Structures are given as C-alpha cells and as structure tokens.
C-alpha cells in the first residue's frame, strides 16, 4: 500500500466519476467512501476530484505531466480491483517521469 503516499509524486490529478444511484457505480462509490480520507491524508495538497453525475458510467482518470491522461472504466470492478487500478496508474506515472 506504499503507492498511496506516491500519488502526489507520480500524478498531477486523479478524477473518479460515477453515478450517485446506479448499481454499476456501487463499487466506485464504496471505494471513495472507504478510501478517500486515507488518500487525502497521505496526499493533502494533491487534487483528488470526485465527480457524481446521474447516468455516468464509473471511471477513473489520472493526469500526468505534459497533459498526458489515462482512463479506466470501473464498471464491474470490485473495490480491490479499483485500488489495484490506481496503484498501476501511480506506477505508470513513475515510468513516465524517467
């Protein structure tokens, strides 16, 4: 879980989008409810944007240096898989710096 403290070093921004009520977004909502505080505590000045919009498919976007962005659809993923997806995006950010 060391990657949780690396967000601000390897990313410029993290956006999580989901619908407030749809079953497809339930694991994304649960992930935010259970993990946002910890992620923000470890990265206090890092922008973690939560976007709720009716009918939106759950997705995750990471923005890196030079405007590079990577997105992942979260529909059908568990909370653990969402956590792993963010970890992979953080690791990707480390390789883009080099």
PDB file of N, CA and C in Angstrom:
ATOM      1  N   UNK A   1       0.808  -1.192   0.000  1.00  0.00           N
ATOM      2  CA  UNK A   1       0.000   0.000   0.000  1.00  0.00           C
ATOM      3  C   UNK A   1       0.858   1.266   0.000  1.00  0.00           C
ATOM      4  N   UNK A   2       2.144   1.130  -0.195  1.00  0.00           N
ATOM      5  CA  UNK A   2       3.029   2.294  -0.217  1.00  0.00           C
ATOM      6  C   UNK A   2       2.681   3.250  -1.345  1.00  0.00           C
ATOM      7  N   UNK A   3       2.042   2.732  -2.390  1.00  0.00           N
ATOM      8  CA  UNK A   3       1.672   3.583  -3.518  1.00  0.00           C
ATOM      9  C   UNK A   3       0.734   4.713  -3.098  1.00  0.00           C
ATOM     10  N   UNK A   4      -0.025   4.512  -2.032  1.00  0.00           N
ATOM     11  CA  UNK A   4      -0.994   5.527  -1.602  1.00  0.00           C
ATOM     12  C   UNK A   4      -0.323   6.851  -1.276  1.00  0.00           C
ATOM     13  N   UNK A   5       0.890   6.807  -0.794  1.00  0.00           N
ATOM     14  CA  UNK A   5       1.630   8.034  -0.487  1.00  0.00           C
ATOM     15  C   UNK A   5       2.377   8.590  -1.690  1.00  0.00           C
ATOM     16  N   UNK A   6       2.341   7.901  -2.810  1.00  0.00           N
ATOM     17  CA  UNK A   6       3.065   8.315  -4.015  1.00  0.00           C
ATOM     18  C   UNK A   6       2.196   9.094  -5.010  1.00  0.00           C
ATOM     19  N   UNK A   7       0.920   9.243  -4.728  1.00  0.00           N
ATOM     20  CA  UNK A   7       0.024   9.914  -5.674  1.00  0.00           C
ATOM     21  C   UNK A   7       0.575  11.268  -6.110  1.00  0.00           C
ATOM     22  N   UNK A   8       0.930  12.100  -5.148  1.00  0.00           N
ATOM     23  CA  UNK A   8       1.358  13.454  -5.477  1.00  0.00           C
ATOM     24  C   UNK A   8       2.719  13.497  -6.172  1.00  0.00           C
ATOM     25  N   UNK A   9       3.501  12.458  -6.047  1.00  0.00           N
ATOM     26  CA  UNK A   9       4.807  12.427  -6.727  1.00  0.00           C
ATOM     27  C   UNK A   9       4.704  11.967  -8.170  1.00  0.00           C
ATOM     28  N   UNK A  10       3.747  11.088  -8.455  1.00  0.00           N
ATOM     29  CA  UNK A  10       3.691  10.464  -9.775  1.00  0.00           C
ATOM     30  C   UNK A  10       2.524  10.922 -10.646  1.00  0.00           C
ATOM     31  N   UNK A  11       1.552  11.606 -10.057  1.00  0.00           N
ATOM     32  CA  UNK A  11       0.395  12.088 -10.807  1.00  0.00           C
ATOM     33  C   UNK A  11       0.231  13.584 -10.574  1.00  0.00           C
ATOM     34  N   UNK A  12      -0.506  14.222 -11.462  1.00  0.00           N
ATOM     35  CA  UNK A  12      -0.868  15.628 -11.279  1.00  0.00           C
ATOM     36  C   UNK A  12      -2.289  15.749 -10.737  1.00  0.00           C
ATOM     37  N   UNK A  13      -3.137  14.758 -11.055  1.00  0.00           N
ATOM     38  CA  UNK A  13      -4.534  14.817 -10.648  1.00  0.00           C
ATOM     39  C   UNK A  13      -5.157  13.431 -10.791  1.00  0.00           C
ATOM     40  N   UNK A  14      -6.114  13.132  -9.931  1.00  0.00           N
ATOM     41  CA  UNK A  14      -6.874  11.889 -10.009  1.00  0.00           C
ATOM     42  C   UNK A  14      -8.362  12.250  -9.982  1.00  0.00           C
ATOM     43  N   UNK A  15      -9.098  11.768 -10.988  1.00  0.00           N
ATOM     44  CA  UNK A  15     -10.535  12.031 -11.064  1.00  0.00           C
ATOM     45  C   UNK A  15     -11.297  10.710 -11.029  1.00  0.00           C
ATOM     46  N   UNK A  16     -12.321  10.659 -10.197  1.00  0.00           N
ATOM     47  CA  UNK A  16     -13.183   9.484 -10.121  1.00  0.00           C
ATOM     48  C   UNK A  16     -14.592   9.963 -10.440  1.00  0.00           C
ATOM     49  N   UNK A  17     -15.183   9.362 -11.464  1.00  0.00           N
ATOM     50  CA  UNK A  17     -16.522   9.734 -11.905  1.00  0.00           C
ATOM     51  C   UNK A  17     -17.468   8.556 -11.693  1.00  0.00           C
ATOM     52  N   UNK A  18     -18.679   8.846 -11.221  1.00  0.00           N
ATOM     53  CA  UNK A  18     -19.670   7.791 -11.057  1.00  0.00           C
ATOM     54  C   UNK A  18     -21.054   8.384 -10.873  1.00  0.00           C
ATOM     55  N   UNK A  19     -22.056   7.529 -11.004  1.00  0.00           N
ATOM     56  CA  UNK A  19     -23.455   7.890 -10.785  1.00  0.00           C
ATOM     57  C   UNK A  19     -23.774   7.690  -9.300  1.00  0.00           C
ATOM     58  N   UNK A  20     -24.567   8.588  -8.744  1.00  0.00           N
ATOM     59  CA  UNK A  20     -24.907   8.503  -7.320  1.00  0.00           C
ATOM     60  C   UNK A  20     -25.804   7.318  -6.987  1.00  0.00           C
ATOM     61  N   UNK A  21     -26.546   6.810  -7.974  1.00  0.00           N
ATOM     62  CA  UNK A  21     -27.556   5.797  -7.653  1.00  0.00           C
ATOM     63  C   UNK A  21     -27.439   4.483  -8.414  1.00  0.00           C
ATOM     64  N   UNK A  22     -26.738   4.453  -9.522  1.00  0.00           N
ATOM     65  CA  UNK A  22     -26.750   3.242 -10.348  1.00  0.00           C
ATOM     66  C   UNK A  22     -25.979   2.086  -9.699  1.00  0.00           C
ATOM     67  N   UNK A  23     -26.484   0.871  -9.871  1.00  0.00           N
ATOM     68  CA  UNK A  23     -25.787  -0.306  -9.345  1.00  0.00           C
ATOM     69  C   UNK A  23     -24.390  -0.482  -9.961  1.00  0.00           C
ATOM     70  N   UNK A  24     -24.213  -0.053 -11.201  1.00  0.00           N
ATOM     71  CA  UNK A  24     -22.910  -0.186 -11.860  1.00  0.00           C
ATOM     72  C   UNK A  24     -21.834   0.638 -11.160  1.00  0.00           C
ATOM     73  N   UNK A  25     -22.243   1.699 -10.458  1.00  0.00           N
ATOM     74  CA  UNK A  25     -21.289   2.573  -9.779  1.00  0.00           C
ATOM     75  C   UNK A  25     -21.119   2.246  -8.292  1.00  0.00           C
ATOM     76  N   UNK A  26     -21.780   1.205  -7.817  1.00  0.00           N
ATOM     77  CA  UNK A  26     -21.768   0.924  -6.377  1.00  0.00           C
ATOM     78  C   UNK A  26     -20.370   0.674  -5.822  1.00  0.00           C
ATOM     79  N   UNK A  27     -19.536  -0.065  -6.534  1.00  0.00           N
ATOM     80  CA  UNK A  27     -18.190  -0.327  -6.002  1.00  0.00           C
ATOM     81  C   UNK A  27     -17.322   0.931  -6.063  1.00  0.00           C
ATOM     82  N   UNK A  28     -17.516   1.785  -7.049  1.00  0.00           N
ATOM     83  CA  UNK A  28     -16.771   3.053  -7.113  1.00  0.00           C
ATOM     84  C   UNK A  28     -17.183   3.951  -5.949  1.00  0.00           C
ATOM     85  N   UNK A  29     -18.476   4.020  -5.676  1.00  0.00           N
ATOM     86  CA  UNK A  29     -18.947   4.812  -4.529  1.00  0.00           C
ATOM     87  C   UNK A  29     -18.375   4.267  -3.222  1.00  0.00           C
ATOM     88  N   UNK A  30     -18.414   2.949  -3.063  1.00  0.00           N
ATOM     89  CA  UNK A  30     -17.897   2.323  -1.845  1.00  0.00           C
ATOM     90  C   UNK A  30     -16.391   2.577  -1.703  1.00  0.00           C
ATOM     91  N   UNK A  31     -15.659   2.503  -2.829  1.00  0.00           N
ATOM     92  CA  UNK A  31     -14.222   2.763  -2.776  1.00  0.00           C
ATOM     93  C   UNK A  31     -13.953   4.182  -2.268  1.00  0.00           C
ATOM     94  N   UNK A  32     -14.676   5.146  -2.801  1.00  0.00           N
ATOM     95  CA  UNK A  32     -14.484   6.537  -2.383  1.00  0.00           C
ATOM     96  C   UNK A  32     -14.835   6.695  -0.903  1.00  0.00           C
ATOM     97  N   UNK A  33     -15.951   6.138  -0.484  1.00  0.00           N
ATOM     98  CA  UNK A  33     -16.369   6.251   0.918  1.00  0.00           C
ATOM     99  C   UNK A  33     -15.336   5.663   1.877  1.00  0.00           C
ATOM    100  N   UNK A  34     -14.700   4.577   1.484  1.00  0.00           N
ATOM    101  CA  UNK A  34     -13.763   3.887   2.378  1.00  0.00           C
ATOM    102  C   UNK A  34     -12.319   4.362   2.258  1.00  0.00           C
ATOM    103  N   UNK A  35     -11.952   4.978   1.133  1.00  0.00           N
ATOM    104  CA  UNK A  35     -10.540   5.269   0.892  1.00  0.00           C
ATOM    105  C   UNK A  35     -10.180   6.736   0.716  1.00  0.00           C
ATOM    106  N   UNK A  36     -11.152   7.596   0.441  1.00  0.00           N
ATOM    107  CA  UNK A  36     -10.842   8.996   0.165  1.00  0.00           C
ATOM    108  C   UNK A  36     -10.072   9.651   1.311  1.00  0.00           C
ATOM    109  N   UNK A  37     -10.553   9.485   2.531  1.00  0.00           N
ATOM    110  CA  UNK A  37      -9.923  10.134   3.683  1.00  0.00           C
ATOM    111  C   UNK A  37      -8.450   9.730   3.814  1.00  0.00           C
ATOM    112  N   UNK A  38      -8.168   8.446   3.690  1.00  0.00           N
ATOM    113  CA  UNK A  38      -6.791   7.956   3.794  1.00  0.00           C
ATOM    114  C   UNK A  38      -5.912   8.520   2.670  1.00  0.00           C
ATOM    115  N   UNK A  39      -6.425   8.489   1.443  1.00  0.00           N
ATOM    116  CA  UNK A  39      -5.653   9.007   0.311  1.00  0.00           C
ATOM    117  C   UNK A  39      -5.382  10.496   0.475  1.00  0.00           C
ATOM    118  N   UNK A  40      -6.372  11.236   0.939  1.00  0.00           N
ATOM    119  CA  UNK A  40      -6.215  12.682   1.105  1.00  0.00           C
ATOM    120  C   UNK A  40      -5.285  13.002   2.268  1.00  0.00           C
ATOM    121  N   UNK A  41      -5.334  12.210   3.323  1.00  0.00           N
ATOM    122  CA  UNK A  41      -4.440  12.412   4.464  1.00  0.00           C
ATOM    123  C   UNK A  41      -2.977  12.218   4.046  1.00  0.00           C
ATOM    124  N   UNK A  42      -2.728  11.203   3.219  1.00  0.00           N
ATOM    125  CA  UNK A  42      -1.366  10.927   2.758  1.00  0.00           C
ATOM    126  C   UNK A  42      -0.900  11.892   1.669  1.00  0.00           C
ATOM    127  N   UNK A  43      -1.836  12.553   0.997  1.00  0.00           N
ATOM    128  CA  UNK A  43      -1.523  13.476  -0.108  1.00  0.00           C
ATOM    129  C   UNK A  43      -2.372  14.735   0.045  1.00  0.00           C
ATOM    130  N   UNK A  44      -2.113  15.533   1.089  1.00  0.00           N
ATOM    131  CA  UNK A  44      -3.022  16.628   1.434  1.00  0.00           C
ATOM    132  C   UNK A  44      -3.201  17.713   0.361  1.00  0.00           C
ATOM    133  N   UNK A  45      -2.199  17.968  -0.433  1.00  0.00           N
ATOM    134  CA  UNK A  45      -2.317  19.028  -1.443  1.00  0.00           C
ATOM    135  C   UNK A  45      -2.599  18.496  -2.844  1.00  0.00           C
ATOM    136  N   UNK A  46      -2.730  17.193  -2.958  1.00  0.00           N
ATOM    137  CA  UNK A  46      -2.962  16.547  -4.252  1.00  0.00           C
ATOM    138  C   UNK A  46      -4.445  16.607  -4.612  1.00  0.00           C
ATOM    139  N   UNK A  47      -4.780  17.040  -5.848  1.00  0.00           N
ATOM    140  CA  UNK A  47      -6.188  17.106  -6.228  1.00  0.00           C
ATOM    141  C   UNK A  47      -6.785  15.729  -6.549  1.00  0.00           C
ATOM    142  N   UNK A  48      -7.692  15.302  -5.691  1.00  0.00           N
ATOM    143  CA  UNK A  48      -8.485  14.088  -5.924  1.00  0.00           C
ATOM    144  C   UNK A  48      -9.903  14.575  -6.157  1.00  0.00           C
ATOM    145  N   UNK A  49     -10.349  14.517  -7.395  1.00  0.00           N
ATOM    146  CA  UNK A  49     -11.642  15.064  -7.761  1.00  0.00           C
ATOM    147  C   UNK A  49     -12.686  13.957  -7.849  1.00  0.00           C
ATOM    148  N   UNK A  50     -13.779  14.144  -7.149  1.00  0.00           N
ATOM    149  CA  UNK A  50     -14.880  13.184  -7.165  1.00  0.00           C
ATOM    150  C   UNK A  50     -16.016  13.844  -7.932  1.00  0.00           C
ATOM    151  N   UNK A  51     -16.439  13.226  -9.025  1.00  0.00           N
ATOM    152  CA  UNK A  51     -17.496  13.786  -9.862  1.00  0.00           C
ATOM    153  C   UNK A  51     -18.682  12.831  -9.892  1.00  0.00           C
ATOM    154  N   UNK A  52     -19.792  13.277  -9.350  1.00  0.00           N
ATOM    155  CA  UNK A  52     -21.018  12.489  -9.355  1.00  0.00           C
ATOM    156  C   UNK A  52     -21.978  13.097 -10.372  1.00  0.00           C
ATOM    157  N   UNK A  53     -22.484  12.271 -11.252  1.00  0.00           N
ATOM    158  CA  UNK A  53     -23.415  12.742 -12.270  1.00  0.00           C
ATOM    159  C   UNK A  53     -24.359  11.602 -12.625  1.00  0.00           C
ATOM    160  N   UNK A  54     -25.638  11.903 -12.617  1.00  0.00           N
ATOM    161  CA  UNK A  54     -26.639  10.887 -12.909  1.00  0.00           C
ATOM    162  C   UNK A  54     -26.409  10.252 -14.281  1.00  0.00           C
ATOM    163  N   UNK A  55     -26.374   8.922 -14.304  1.00  0.00           N
ATOM    164  CA  UNK A  55     -26.212   8.193 -15.552  1.00  0.00           C
ATOM    165  C   UNK A  55     -24.782   8.009 -16.023  1.00  0.00           C
ATOM    166  N   UNK A  56     -23.811   8.551 -15.307  1.00  0.00           N
ATOM    167  CA  UNK A  56     -22.408   8.421 -15.703  1.00  0.00           C
ATOM    168  C   UNK A  56     -21.885   7.023 -15.410  1.00  0.00           C
ATOM    169  N   UNK A  57     -21.180   6.455 -16.383  1.00  0.00           N
ATOM    170  CA  UNK A  57     -20.519   5.169 -16.142  1.00  0.00           C
ATOM    171  C   UNK A  57     -19.326   5.407 -15.219  1.00  0.00           C
ATOM    172  N   UNK A  58     -19.075   4.507 -14.275  1.00  0.00           N
ATOM    173  CA  UNK A  58     -17.955   4.714 -13.354  1.00  0.00           C
ATOM    174  C   UNK A  58     -16.618   4.637 -14.097  1.00  0.00           C
ATOM    175  N   UNK A  59     -15.787   5.627 -13.849  1.00  0.00           N
ATOM    176  CA  UNK A  59     -14.479   5.662 -14.494  1.00  0.00           C
ATOM    177  C   UNK A  59     -13.478   6.416 -13.642  1.00  0.00           C
ATOM    178  N   UNK A  60     -12.234   6.193 -13.961  1.00  0.00           N
ATOM    179  CA  UNK A  60     -11.121   6.770 -13.221  1.00  0.00           C
ATOM    180  C   UNK A  60     -10.172   7.389 -14.232  1.00  0.00           C
ATOM    181  N   UNK A  61      -9.733   8.613 -13.973  1.00  0.00           N
ATOM    182  CA  UNK A  61      -8.787   9.291 -14.860  1.00  0.00           C
ATOM    183  C   UNK A  61      -7.599   9.779 -14.058  1.00  0.00           C
ATOM    184  N   UNK A  62      -6.419   9.514 -14.574  1.00  0.00           N
ATOM    185  CA  UNK A  62      -5.182  10.004 -13.972  1.00  0.00           C
ATOM    186  C   UNK A  62      -4.528  10.957 -14.963  1.00  0.00           C
ATOM    187  N   UNK A  63      -4.131  12.131 -14.469  1.00  0.00           N
ATOM    188  CA  UNK A  63      -3.429  13.097 -15.316  1.00  0.00           C
ATOM    189  C   UNK A  63      -1.983  13.173 -14.858  1.00  0.00           C
ATOM    190  N   UNK A  64      -1.084  13.107 -15.833  1.00  0.00           N
ATOM    191  CA  UNK A  64       0.352  13.124 -15.586  1.00  0.00           C
ATOM    192  C   UNK A  64       0.941  14.437 -16.112  1.00  0.00           C
ATOM    193  N   UNK A  65       2.268  14.540 -16.073  1.00  0.00           N
ATOM    194  CA  UNK A  65       2.959  15.695 -16.644  1.00  0.00           C
ATOM    195  C   UNK A  65       2.634  15.845 -18.120  1.00  0.00           C
ATOM    196  N   UNK A  66       2.750  17.051 -18.609  1.00  0.00           N
ATOM    197  CA  UNK A  66       2.580  17.365 -20.039  1.00  0.00           C
ATOM    198  C   UNK A  66       1.179  17.031 -20.538  1.00  0.00           C
ATOM    199  N   UNK A  67       0.184  16.994 -19.661  1.00  0.00           N
ATOM    200  CA  UNK A  67      -1.196  16.772 -20.063  1.00  0.00           C
ATOM    201  C   UNK A  67      -1.558  15.349 -20.459  1.00  0.00           C
ATOM    202  N   UNK A  68      -0.661  14.409 -20.233  1.00  0.00           N
ATOM    203  CA  UNK A  68      -0.935  13.003 -20.554  1.00  0.00           C
ATOM    204  C   UNK A  68      -1.983  12.480 -19.578  1.00  0.00           C
ATOM    205  N   UNK A  69      -3.006  11.818 -20.111  1.00  0.00           N
ATOM    206  CA  UNK A  69      -4.059  11.247 -19.265  1.00  0.00           C
ATOM    207  C   UNK A  69      -4.291   9.783 -19.609  1.00  0.00           C
ATOM    208  N   UNK A  70      -4.664   9.015 -18.600  1.00  0.00           N
ATOM    209  CA  UNK A  70      -5.040   7.616 -18.784  1.00  0.00           C
ATOM    210  C   UNK A  70      -6.355   7.392 -18.051  1.00  0.00           C
ATOM    211  N   UNK A  71      -7.273   6.705 -18.703  1.00  0.00           N
ATOM    212  CA  UNK A  71      -8.574   6.446 -18.104  1.00  0.00           C
ATOM    213  C   UNK A  71      -8.877   4.965 -18.042  1.00  0.00           C
ATOM    214  N   UNK A  72      -9.673   4.585 -17.053  1.00  0.00           N
ATOM    215  CA  UNK A  72     -10.067   3.192 -16.861  1.00  0.00           C
ATOM    216  C   UNK A  72     -11.557   3.172 -16.525  1.00  0.00           C
ATOM    217  N   UNK A  73     -12.302   2.330 -17.207  1.00  0.00           N
ATOM    218  CA  UNK A  73     -13.711   2.131 -16.861  1.00  0.00           C
ATOM    219  C   UNK A  73     -13.775   1.193 -15.662  1.00  0.00           C
ATOM    220  N   UNK A  74     -14.568   1.563 -14.677  1.00  0.00           N
ATOM    221  CA  UNK A  74     -14.629   0.816 -13.423  1.00  0.00           C
ATOM    222  C   UNK A  74     -15.839  -0.103 -13.319  1.00  0.00           C
ATOM    223  N   UNK A  75     -16.691  -0.083 -14.311  1.00  0.00           N
ATOM    224  CA  UNK A  75     -17.893  -0.902 -14.272  1.00  0.00           C
ATOM    225  C   UNK A  75     -17.520  -2.383 -14.155  1.00  0.00           C
ATOM    226  N   UNK A  76     -18.086  -3.057 -13.165  1.00  0.00           N
ATOM    227  CA  UNK A  76     -17.824  -4.477 -12.971  1.00  0.00           C
ATOM    228  C   UNK A  76     -16.605  -4.772 -12.107  1.00  0.00           C
ATOM    229  N   UNK A  77     -15.854  -3.752 -11.707  1.00  0.00           N
ATOM    230  CA  UNK A  77     -14.677  -3.969 -10.858  1.00  0.00           C
ATOM    231  C   UNK A  77     -15.059  -3.921  -9.387  1.00  0.00           C
ATOM    232  N   UNK A  78     -14.352  -4.681  -8.579  1.00  0.00           N
ATOM    233  CA  UNK A  78     -14.544  -4.647  -7.128  1.00  0.00           C
ATOM    234  C   UNK A  78     -13.711  -3.500  -6.553  1.00  0.00           C
ATOM    235  N   UNK A  79     -13.909  -3.216  -5.284  1.00  0.00           N
ATOM    236  CA  UNK A  79     -13.107  -2.174  -4.629  1.00  0.00           C
ATOM    237  C   UNK A  79     -11.619  -2.520  -4.686  1.00  0.00           C
ATOM    238  N   UNK A  80     -11.289  -3.784  -4.493  1.00  0.00           N
ATOM    239  CA  UNK A  80      -9.892  -4.206  -4.533  1.00  0.00           C
ATOM    240  C   UNK A  80      -9.302  -4.002  -5.936  1.00  0.00           C
ATOM    241  N   UNK A  81     -10.098  -4.278  -6.954  1.00  0.00           N
ATOM    242  CA  UNK A  81      -9.629  -4.081  -8.327  1.00  0.00           C
ATOM    243  C   UNK A  81      -9.471  -2.600  -8.647  1.00  0.00           C
ATOM    244  N   UNK A  82     -10.329  -1.764  -8.094  1.00  0.00           N
ATOM    245  CA  UNK A  82     -10.191  -0.318  -8.284  1.00  0.00           C
ATOM    246  C   UNK A  82      -8.905   0.166  -7.622  1.00  0.00           C
ATOM    247  N   UNK A  83      -8.643  -0.327  -6.424  1.00  0.00           N
ATOM    248  CA  UNK A  83      -7.407   0.025  -5.723  1.00  0.00           C
ATOM    249  C   UNK A  83      -6.185  -0.390  -6.539  1.00  0.00           C
ATOM    250  N   UNK A  84      -6.223  -1.581  -7.107  1.00  0.00           N
ATOM    251  CA  UNK A  84      -5.122  -2.084  -7.940  1.00  0.00           C
ATOM    252  C   UNK A  84      -4.976  -1.237  -9.200  1.00  0.00           C
ATOM    253  N   UNK A  85      -6.086  -0.795  -9.777  1.00  0.00           N
ATOM    254  CA  UNK A  85      -6.033   0.048 -10.972  1.00  0.00           C
ATOM    255  C   UNK A  85      -5.340   1.371 -10.658  1.00  0.00           C
ATOM    256  N   UNK A  86      -5.646   1.962  -9.505  1.00  0.00           N
ATOM    257  CA  UNK A  86      -4.987   3.213  -9.119  1.00  0.00           C
ATOM    258  C   UNK A  86      -3.509   2.962  -8.871  1.00  0.00           C
ATOM    259  N   UNK A  87      -3.194   1.864  -8.207  1.00  0.00           N
ATOM    260  CA  UNK A  87      -1.785   1.515  -7.971  1.00  0.00           C
ATOM    261  C   UNK A  87      -1.030   1.406  -9.299  1.00  0.00           C
ATOM    262  N   UNK A  88      -1.635   0.768 -10.277  1.00  0.00           N
ATOM    263  CA  UNK A  88      -0.994   0.617 -11.589  1.00  0.00           C
ATOM    264  C   UNK A  88      -0.799   1.978 -12.268  1.00  0.00           C
ATOM    265  N   UNK A  89      -1.762   2.885 -12.116  1.00  0.00           N
ATOM    266  CA  UNK A  89      -1.633   4.214 -12.700  1.00  0.00           C
ATOM    267  C   UNK A  89      -0.539   5.014 -12.014  1.00  0.00           C
ATOM    268  N   UNK A  90      -0.391   4.836 -10.693  1.00  0.00           N
ATOM    269  CA  UNK A  90       0.686   5.507  -9.960  1.00  0.00           C
ATOM    270  C   UNK A  90       2.044   4.988 -10.441  1.00  0.00           C
ATOM    271  N   UNK A  91       2.160   3.676 -10.597  1.00  0.00           N
ATOM    272  CA  UNK A  91       3.411   3.089 -11.083  1.00  0.00           C
ATOM    273  C   UNK A  91       3.715   3.547 -12.498  1.00  0.00           C
ATOM    274  N   UNK A  92       2.694   3.669 -13.343  1.00  0.00           N
ATOM    275  CA  UNK A  92       2.888   4.181 -14.691  1.00  0.00           C
ATOM    276  C   UNK A  92       3.442   5.595 -14.645  1.00  0.00           C
ATOM    277  N   UNK A  93       2.936   6.406 -13.728  1.00  0.00           N
ATOM    278  CA  UNK A  93       3.425   7.783 -13.576  1.00  0.00           C
ATOM    279  C   UNK A  93       4.900   7.832 -13.263  1.00  0.00           C
ATOM    280  N   UNK A  94       5.390   6.891 -12.480  1.00  0.00           N
ATOM    281  CA  UNK A  94       6.822   6.844 -12.159  1.00  0.00           C
ATOM    282  C   UNK A  94       7.653   6.557 -13.413  1.00  0.00           C
ATOM    283  N   UNK A  95       7.127   5.718 -14.300  1.00  0.00           N
ATOM    284  CA  UNK A  95       7.884   5.395 -15.520  1.00  0.00           C
ATOM    285  C   UNK A  95       7.824   6.527 -16.539  1.00  0.00           C
ATOM    286  N   UNK A  96       6.750   7.309 -16.532  1.00  0.00           N
ATOM    287  CA  UNK A  96       6.646   8.433 -17.473  1.00  0.00           C
ATOM    288  C   UNK A  96       7.590   9.567 -17.118  1.00  0.00           C
ATOM    289  N   UNK A  97       8.013   9.643 -15.865  1.00  0.00           N
ATOM    290  CA  UNK A  97       8.938  10.704 -15.439  1.00  0.00           C
ATOM    291  C   UNK A  97      10.356  10.466 -15.947  1.00  0.00           C
ATOM    292  N   UNK A  98      10.713   9.193 -16.120  1.00  0.00           N
ATOM    293  CA  UNK A  98      12.083   8.855 -16.449  1.00  0.00           C
ATOM    294  C   UNK A  98      12.383   8.962 -17.852  1.00  0.00           C
TER     295      UNK A  98
END
